[in-house]
Amino acid sequence: MRYIVPALFLLTLFSCDNSVDILEEPKDIPIVYGILSAVDTAHYIRVERAFASDNVSALDLARDPAALYYDNATVTLINGNDRFDLERIDATIDGYPRQEGVFAQSPNILYKINNSDINLKEGETYSLEIDRNIESLPIVRASTNIVGESSIRSPQTILNFDSNTFTSFSWREGEFSSLFDLYMDFNYRERIKGSGDPYAPKVVRWKIASDVEVTRLDIQGLQFYSFLAGAILADEDTERVFENVDLILDSGSAEIKDFIRVSEANLGITSSQDIPTFTNLSEGRGIFGSLYREVKENIQLNNRTLDSLKMGSITRDLNFN
């Protein structure tokens, strides 16, 4: 899914409205991104504003933190009768610098709460309230159900990729899950041939499936070897050793599914290109949703697959021992 955390890049999509509007009176438009997960140790909400000016360019405004952020906004998560205020922080200090682009990189304001302070519960409903503390502006509201645990059923401990057949991946969907991404991390080690140096750990990630609504996939084995041949540089001076693979399953809530489906709804060569905008906020633009990440580690390849990795026509130049 294109929302996978820490992918705050979705904000860029929402910021398409951050342009100068000379046809209407300036209007305050909150831009919000928040994806909660019960498996995270901390939760972050991004709150910004779209901006308009008759005499300052949108690019200049984007570089101005005073125009980009609210000075005194209060961000609150609500579960039943319990209310939890989030702390306004500079996310760069927390290890989340903002990517380079048109927006001001410093400060990088987010609103944070540690999970130890809120104890996010799977299957329960959480509401978001944002008070911009500006006279006459209403409170921004949204809600989401926290996605429950999904579990990978197959494979369990061994994977077999036969170029001419299909390998099955299946999982049990968690409560409130609507959309799935499946990834594989292929872990290996490499070193220069004959160097005697320790092997350096390496990993490449294969996106097996994206934005699917099913709980079983049959993947042709040939795709596995083709991915490795494209992801790892063939080098006759390098020798490699396979370690294991990890499977990562991301399960997204209904809001994430709707966001992605609406974004895709009117694209294509025959479309009108009038791209619809999804938001589940009472005011402004953005998304407040939930996801769950399941990781199954240390899966091995069977001997036949290892032989194909070492000697098969697609991957033999990768020099796996």
Protein backbone atom coordinates (compact mmCIF):
# COMPACT_ATOMS: atom_id res chain seq x y z
CA MET A 1 0.00 0.00 0.00
CA ARG A 2 1.19 3.43 -0.74
CA TYR A 3 0.58 4.48 2.81
CA ILE A 4 3.16 2.07 4.39
CA VAL A 5 4.70 3.69 7.48
CA PRO A 6 6.98 5.77 7.82
CA ALA A 7 5.77 6.90 4.39
CA LEU A 8 4.59 10.39 5.15
CA PHE A 9 5.00 11.02 1.42
CA LEU A 10 1.21 10.90 1.07
CA LEU A 11 1.25 14.45 2.32
CA THR A 12 2.61 15.46 -1.06
CA LEU A 13 -0.56 14.17 -2.69
CA PHE A 14 -2.73 16.11 -0.30
CA SER A 15 -0.71 19.27 -0.84
CA CYS A 16 -1.85 19.64 -4.43
CA ASP A 17 -4.11 22.40 -3.08
CA ASN A 18 -1.10 24.38 -1.83
CA SER A 19 -1.25 26.85 -4.67
CA VAL A 20 -2.16 30.50 -4.96
CA ASP A 21 -5.90 30.97 -5.39
CA ILE A 22 -6.75 34.43 -6.72
CA LEU A 23 -10.40 33.65 -7.48
CA GLU A 24 -11.63 33.16 -3.91
CA GLU A 25 -11.06 34.65 -0.50
CA PRO A 26 -8.22 32.91 1.38
CA LYS A 27 -9.51 29.91 3.31
CA ASP A 28 -7.80 27.90 6.03
CA ILE A 29 -7.55 24.27 4.89
CA PRO A 30 -5.99 21.76 7.32
CA ILE A 31 -3.93 18.97 5.78
CA VAL A 32 -3.73 15.90 8.02
CA TYR A 33 -1.95 12.54 7.83
CA GLY A 34 -2.28 9.97 10.59
CA ILE A 35 -1.96 6.19 10.42
CA LEU A 36 -2.21 4.36 13.74
CA SER A 37 -0.88 0.87 14.43
CA ALA A 38 -1.17 -1.17 17.60
CA VAL A 39 2.31 -2.61 17.02
CA ASP A 40 4.06 0.80 17.00
CA THR A 41 5.87 2.11 20.08
CA ALA A 42 4.87 5.69 19.25
CA HIS A 43 2.18 7.33 17.14
CA TYR A 44 2.53 10.45 15.01
CA ILE A 45 0.02 12.80 13.39
CA ARG A 46 1.06 15.37 10.81
CA VAL A 47 -1.02 18.55 10.81
CA GLU A 48 -0.30 21.29 8.29
CA ARG A 49 -2.24 23.85 6.34
CA ALA A 50 -2.87 24.65 2.72
CA PHE A 51 -2.00 28.22 1.97
CA ALA A 52 -3.11 30.95 -0.38
CA SER A 53 -1.90 34.48 -0.96
CA ASP A 54 -2.52 37.19 -3.51
CA ASN A 55 1.04 38.46 -3.36
CA VAL A 56 3.32 35.61 -2.18
CA SER A 57 4.05 32.56 -4.33
CA ALA A 58 3.02 29.11 -3.12
CA LEU A 59 6.66 27.98 -3.29
CA ASP A 60 7.75 30.77 -0.95
CA LEU A 61 4.90 29.96 1.43
CA ALA A 62 5.87 26.27 1.40
CA ARG A 63 9.33 27.19 2.65
CA ASP A 64 7.94 29.32 5.47
CA PRO A 65 7.24 27.30 8.65
CA ALA A 66 4.97 30.08 9.90
CA ALA A 67 2.70 29.52 6.89
CA LEU A 68 3.00 25.74 6.89
CA TYR A 69 2.20 24.97 10.55
CA TYR A 70 -0.40 26.07 13.09
CA ASP A 71 1.10 27.91 16.05
CA ASN A 72 -1.23 26.64 18.76
CA ALA A 73 -3.06 23.59 17.44
CA THR A 74 -4.16 20.95 19.94
CA VAL A 75 -4.24 17.35 18.67
CA THR A 76 -6.16 14.77 20.68
CA LEU A 77 -6.92 11.05 20.33
CA ILE A 78 -10.11 9.78 21.95
CA ASN A 79 -11.11 6.25 22.97
CA GLY A 80 -14.45 6.13 24.73
CA ASN A 81 -14.24 8.55 27.64
CA ASP A 82 -10.45 8.70 27.55
CA ARG A 83 -8.73 11.65 25.90
CA PHE A 84 -5.02 11.75 25.05
CA ASP A 85 -3.31 14.98 24.04
CA LEU A 86 -0.35 14.61 21.67
CA GLU A 87 2.92 16.49 22.09
CA ARG A 88 4.09 18.92 19.43
CA ILE A 89 7.64 17.89 18.45
CA ASP A 90 10.32 18.43 15.85
CA ALA A 91 10.35 14.97 14.26
CA THR A 92 13.93 15.41 13.04
CA ILE A 93 15.05 15.11 16.66
CA ASP A 94 13.11 11.82 16.85
CA GLY A 95 15.00 10.50 13.83
CA TYR A 96 12.44 11.37 11.14
CA PRO A 97 13.92 14.18 9.04
CA ARG A 98 11.72 15.57 6.30
CA GLN A 99 12.67 14.60 2.79
CA GLU A 100 14.13 17.32 0.63
CA GLY A 101 11.57 19.11 -1.52
CA VAL A 102 9.57 22.30 -1.77
CA PHE A 103 8.44 22.28 1.88
CA ALA A 104 10.42 23.69 4.79
CA GLN A 105 12.60 20.94 6.25
CA SER A 106 13.20 22.54 9.62
CA PRO A 107 11.41 22.40 11.89
CA ASN A 108 9.58 19.20 10.89
CA ILE A 109 6.53 19.45 13.11
CA LEU A 110 4.56 16.35 14.07
CA TYR A 111 2.29 15.52 17.01
CA LYS A 112 3.39 12.49 19.02
CA ILE A 113 2.22 10.16 21.76
CA ASN A 114 4.07 7.09 23.06
CA ASN A 115 2.08 3.87 23.00
CA SER A 116 2.88 3.38 26.69
CA ASP A 117 0.76 6.48 27.34
CA ILE A 118 -2.24 5.45 25.23
CA ASN A 119 -2.04 1.62 24.98
CA LEU A 120 -3.68 1.46 21.55
CA LYS A 121 -6.13 -1.46 21.44
CA GLU A 122 -6.82 -3.58 18.36
CA GLY A 123 -10.45 -3.67 17.27
CA GLU A 124 -11.44 -0.48 19.09
CA THR A 125 -12.51 2.86 17.64
CA TYR A 126 -10.29 5.91 18.06
CA SER A 127 -11.29 9.43 17.15
CA LEU A 128 -9.07 12.34 16.21
CA GLU A 129 -9.77 15.94 17.17
CA ILE A 130 -7.71 18.89 16.00
CA ASP A 131 -8.43 22.29 17.49
CA ARG A 132 -6.62 24.92 15.46
CA ASN A 133 -7.28 27.45 18.25
CA ILE A 134 -8.21 30.07 15.69
CA GLU A 135 -11.41 31.98 16.30
CA SER A 136 -14.41 30.81 14.24
CA LEU A 137 -12.63 27.72 12.84
CA PRO A 138 -14.37 24.43 13.74
CA ILE A 139 -12.66 21.42 15.26
CA VAL A 140 -11.38 18.90 12.72
CA ARG A 141 -12.67 15.38 13.42
CA ALA A 142 -12.12 11.86 12.08
CA SER A 143 -12.28 8.29 13.37
CA THR A 144 -10.89 4.85 12.55
CA ASN A 145 -11.10 1.29 13.80
CA ILE A 146 -7.72 -0.11 14.84
CA VAL A 147 -6.81 -3.01 12.55
CA GLY A 148 -6.33 -6.29 14.38
CA GLU A 149 -3.56 -8.85 14.04
CA SER A 150 -3.17 -10.58 10.71
CA SER A 151 -1.14 -13.79 10.57
CA ILE A 152 0.74 -15.40 7.70
CA ARG A 153 -0.40 -18.99 7.28
CA SER A 154 1.85 -20.12 4.46
CA PRO A 155 4.67 -20.54 4.01
CA GLN A 156 5.64 -21.56 7.53
CA THR A 157 9.38 -22.28 7.66
CA ILE A 158 10.38 -23.42 4.14
CA LEU A 159 9.86 -21.84 0.72
CA ASN A 160 9.99 -23.59 -2.63
CA PHE A 161 10.27 -21.61 -5.85
CA ASP A 162 10.01 -23.78 -8.95
CA SER A 163 10.33 -21.71 -12.11
CA ASN A 164 7.55 -23.64 -13.82
CA THR A 165 4.99 -23.81 -11.01
CA PHE A 166 3.33 -21.50 -8.50
CA THR A 167 4.14 -20.85 -4.86
CA SER A 168 1.19 -20.06 -2.57
CA PHE A 169 1.14 -17.32 0.06
CA SER A 170 -1.85 -17.05 2.37
CA TRP A 171 -2.81 -15.25 5.55
CA ARG A 172 -5.61 -14.78 8.05
CA GLU A 173 -7.02 -11.29 7.91
CA GLY A 174 -7.26 -9.29 11.10
CA GLU A 175 -10.35 -7.48 12.31
CA PHE A 176 -11.13 -4.34 10.27
CA SER A 177 -8.44 -5.12 7.66
CA SER A 178 -9.49 -4.26 4.10
CA LEU A 179 -6.37 -4.12 1.94
CA PHE A 180 -3.01 -5.90 1.91
CA ASP A 181 0.58 -5.51 0.77
CA LEU A 182 2.99 -8.45 0.84
CA TYR A 183 6.78 -8.04 0.79
CA MET A 184 9.75 -10.35 0.97
CA ASP A 185 13.12 -9.34 2.38
CA PHE A 186 15.82 -11.53 0.83
CA ASN A 187 18.75 -11.56 3.26
CA TYR A 188 22.22 -12.56 2.11
CA ARG A 189 25.93 -11.85 2.67
CA GLU A 190 28.65 -10.96 0.21
CA ARG A 191 32.37 -10.27 -0.03
CA ILE A 192 35.11 -9.90 -2.63
CA LYS A 193 36.29 -13.30 -3.84
CA GLY A 194 39.48 -14.51 -2.22
CA SER A 195 39.71 -11.48 0.07
CA GLY A 196 39.29 -13.39 3.32
CA ASP A 197 37.21 -10.48 4.59
CA PRO A 198 34.08 -11.11 6.66
CA TYR A 199 30.89 -11.34 4.64
CA ALA A 200 28.89 -8.09 4.70
CA PRO A 201 25.13 -8.44 5.37
CA LYS A 202 22.83 -7.32 2.54
CA VAL A 203 19.09 -7.28 1.91
CA VAL A 204 16.83 -6.61 -1.07
CA ARG A 205 13.06 -6.18 -0.77
CA TRP A 206 10.59 -7.70 -3.22
CA LYS A 207 7.08 -6.27 -3.32
CA ILE A 208 5.17 -9.44 -4.08
CA ALA A 209 1.74 -7.79 -4.13
CA SER A 210 0.30 -4.34 -3.57
CA ASP A 211 -3.21 -3.14 -2.68
CA VAL A 212 -4.88 -6.56 -2.91
CA GLU A 213 -8.15 -7.51 -1.22
CA VAL A 214 -7.59 -11.29 -1.23
CA THR A 215 -5.98 -13.48 1.43
CA ARG A 216 -4.18 -15.88 -0.92
CA LEU A 217 -1.76 -15.33 -3.77
CA ASP A 218 -0.20 -17.85 -6.16
CA ILE A 219 3.09 -16.50 -7.46
CA GLN A 220 4.98 -18.08 -10.35
CA GLY A 221 8.43 -19.19 -9.22
CA LEU A 222 10.03 -17.53 -12.24
CA GLN A 223 9.13 -14.14 -10.74
CA PHE A 224 11.36 -14.81 -7.73
CA TYR A 225 14.47 -15.45 -9.80
CA SER A 226 13.71 -12.55 -12.15
CA PHE A 227 13.41 -10.20 -9.19
CA LEU A 228 16.79 -11.26 -7.78
CA ALA A 229 18.48 -10.90 -11.15
CA GLY A 230 17.22 -7.33 -11.37
CA ALA A 231 17.84 -6.35 -7.75
CA ILE A 232 21.36 -7.73 -7.21
CA LEU A 233 24.28 -6.65 -9.36
CA ALA A 234 26.04 -9.49 -11.18
CA ASP A 235 29.76 -9.17 -10.42
CA GLU A 236 32.27 -11.91 -11.14
CA ASP A 237 34.52 -10.60 -8.36
CA THR A 238 31.82 -10.94 -5.69
CA GLU A 239 30.76 -14.13 -3.91
CA ARG A 240 27.50 -14.40 -2.00
CA VAL A 241 25.83 -16.62 0.60
CA PHE A 242 22.08 -16.89 1.18
CA GLU A 243 20.88 -16.31 4.75
CA ASN A 244 17.06 -16.39 4.92
CA VAL A 245 13.95 -14.51 3.90
CA ASP A 246 11.47 -12.50 5.95
CA LEU A 247 7.86 -12.00 4.91
CA ILE A 248 6.10 -8.72 5.73
CA LEU A 249 2.32 -8.39 5.52
CA ASP A 250 0.77 -4.93 5.84
CA SER A 251 -2.99 -4.79 6.49
CA GLY A 252 -4.78 -1.48 5.97
CA SER A 253 -8.08 -0.17 7.29
CA ALA A 254 -11.12 0.79 5.22
CA GLU A 255 -10.00 4.43 5.10
CA ILE A 256 -6.71 3.44 3.48
CA LYS A 257 -8.51 1.22 0.99
CA ASP A 258 -10.90 4.04 0.10
CA PHE A 259 -8.06 6.53 -0.27
CA ILE A 260 -6.21 4.28 -2.71
CA ARG A 261 -9.28 3.22 -4.68
CA VAL A 262 -10.53 6.80 -5.06
CA SER A 263 -7.08 7.90 -6.19
CA GLU A 264 -7.13 5.18 -8.87
CA ALA A 265 -10.75 5.68 -9.90
CA ASN A 266 -10.31 8.14 -12.74
CA LEU A 267 -6.84 7.49 -14.11
CA GLY A 268 -6.06 6.02 -17.50
CA ILE A 269 -5.90 6.84 -21.17
CA THR A 270 -9.68 7.18 -21.54
CA SER A 271 -10.34 9.02 -18.28
CA SER A 272 -11.34 12.64 -17.90
CA GLN A 273 -8.28 13.21 -15.68
CA ASP A 274 -10.59 14.88 -13.16
CA ILE A 275 -8.90 13.09 -10.27
CA PRO A 276 -11.20 12.77 -7.23
CA THR A 277 -9.91 13.64 -3.79
CA PHE A 278 -10.48 11.38 -0.80
CA THR A 279 -10.65 12.62 2.76
CA ASN A 280 -12.30 11.24 5.88
CA LEU A 281 -11.82 14.47 7.82
CA SER A 282 -14.70 16.72 8.78
CA GLU A 283 -12.65 19.70 7.58
CA GLY A 284 -9.79 19.97 5.10
CA ARG A 285 -7.96 17.16 3.34
CA GLY A 286 -6.13 14.05 4.45
CA ILE A 287 -6.51 10.63 5.95
CA PHE A 288 -6.82 9.17 9.43
CA GLY A 289 -6.62 5.39 9.34
CA SER A 290 -4.99 2.29 10.77
CA LEU A 291 -2.71 -0.54 9.71
CA TYR A 292 -1.15 -3.69 11.12
CA ARG A 293 2.23 -5.16 10.17
CA GLU A 294 2.94 -8.88 10.53
CA VAL A 295 6.53 -10.07 10.07
CA LYS A 296 7.47 -13.75 9.72
CA GLU A 297 11.26 -14.07 10.01
CA ASN A 298 13.95 -16.60 9.18
CA ILE A 299 12.19 -18.57 6.44
CA GLN A 300 14.53 -20.87 4.54
CA LEU A 301 14.66 -21.94 0.90
CA ASN A 302 14.51 -25.65 0.16
CA ASN A 303 17.47 -27.39 -1.46
CA ARG A 304 15.96 -27.38 -4.94
CA THR A 305 15.44 -23.62 -4.78
CA LEU A 306 18.99 -23.10 -3.49
CA ASP A 307 20.33 -25.15 -6.39
CA SER A 308 18.36 -23.02 -8.86
CA LEU A 309 19.64 -19.88 -7.17
CA LYS A 310 23.25 -21.04 -7.56
CA MET A 311 23.12 -22.67 -10.99
CA GLY A 312 19.93 -21.56 -12.74
CA SER A 313 20.25 -19.59 -15.96
CA ILE A 314 18.62 -16.48 -14.48
CA THR A 315 20.66 -16.09 -11.27
CA ARG A 316 23.91 -18.07 -11.72
CA ASP A 317 25.85 -14.88 -12.52
CA LEU A 318 25.04 -13.61 -9.00
CA ASN A 319 27.63 -16.09 -7.64
CA PHE A 320 25.75 -17.59 -4.72
CA ASN A 321 27.71 -20.40 -3.04
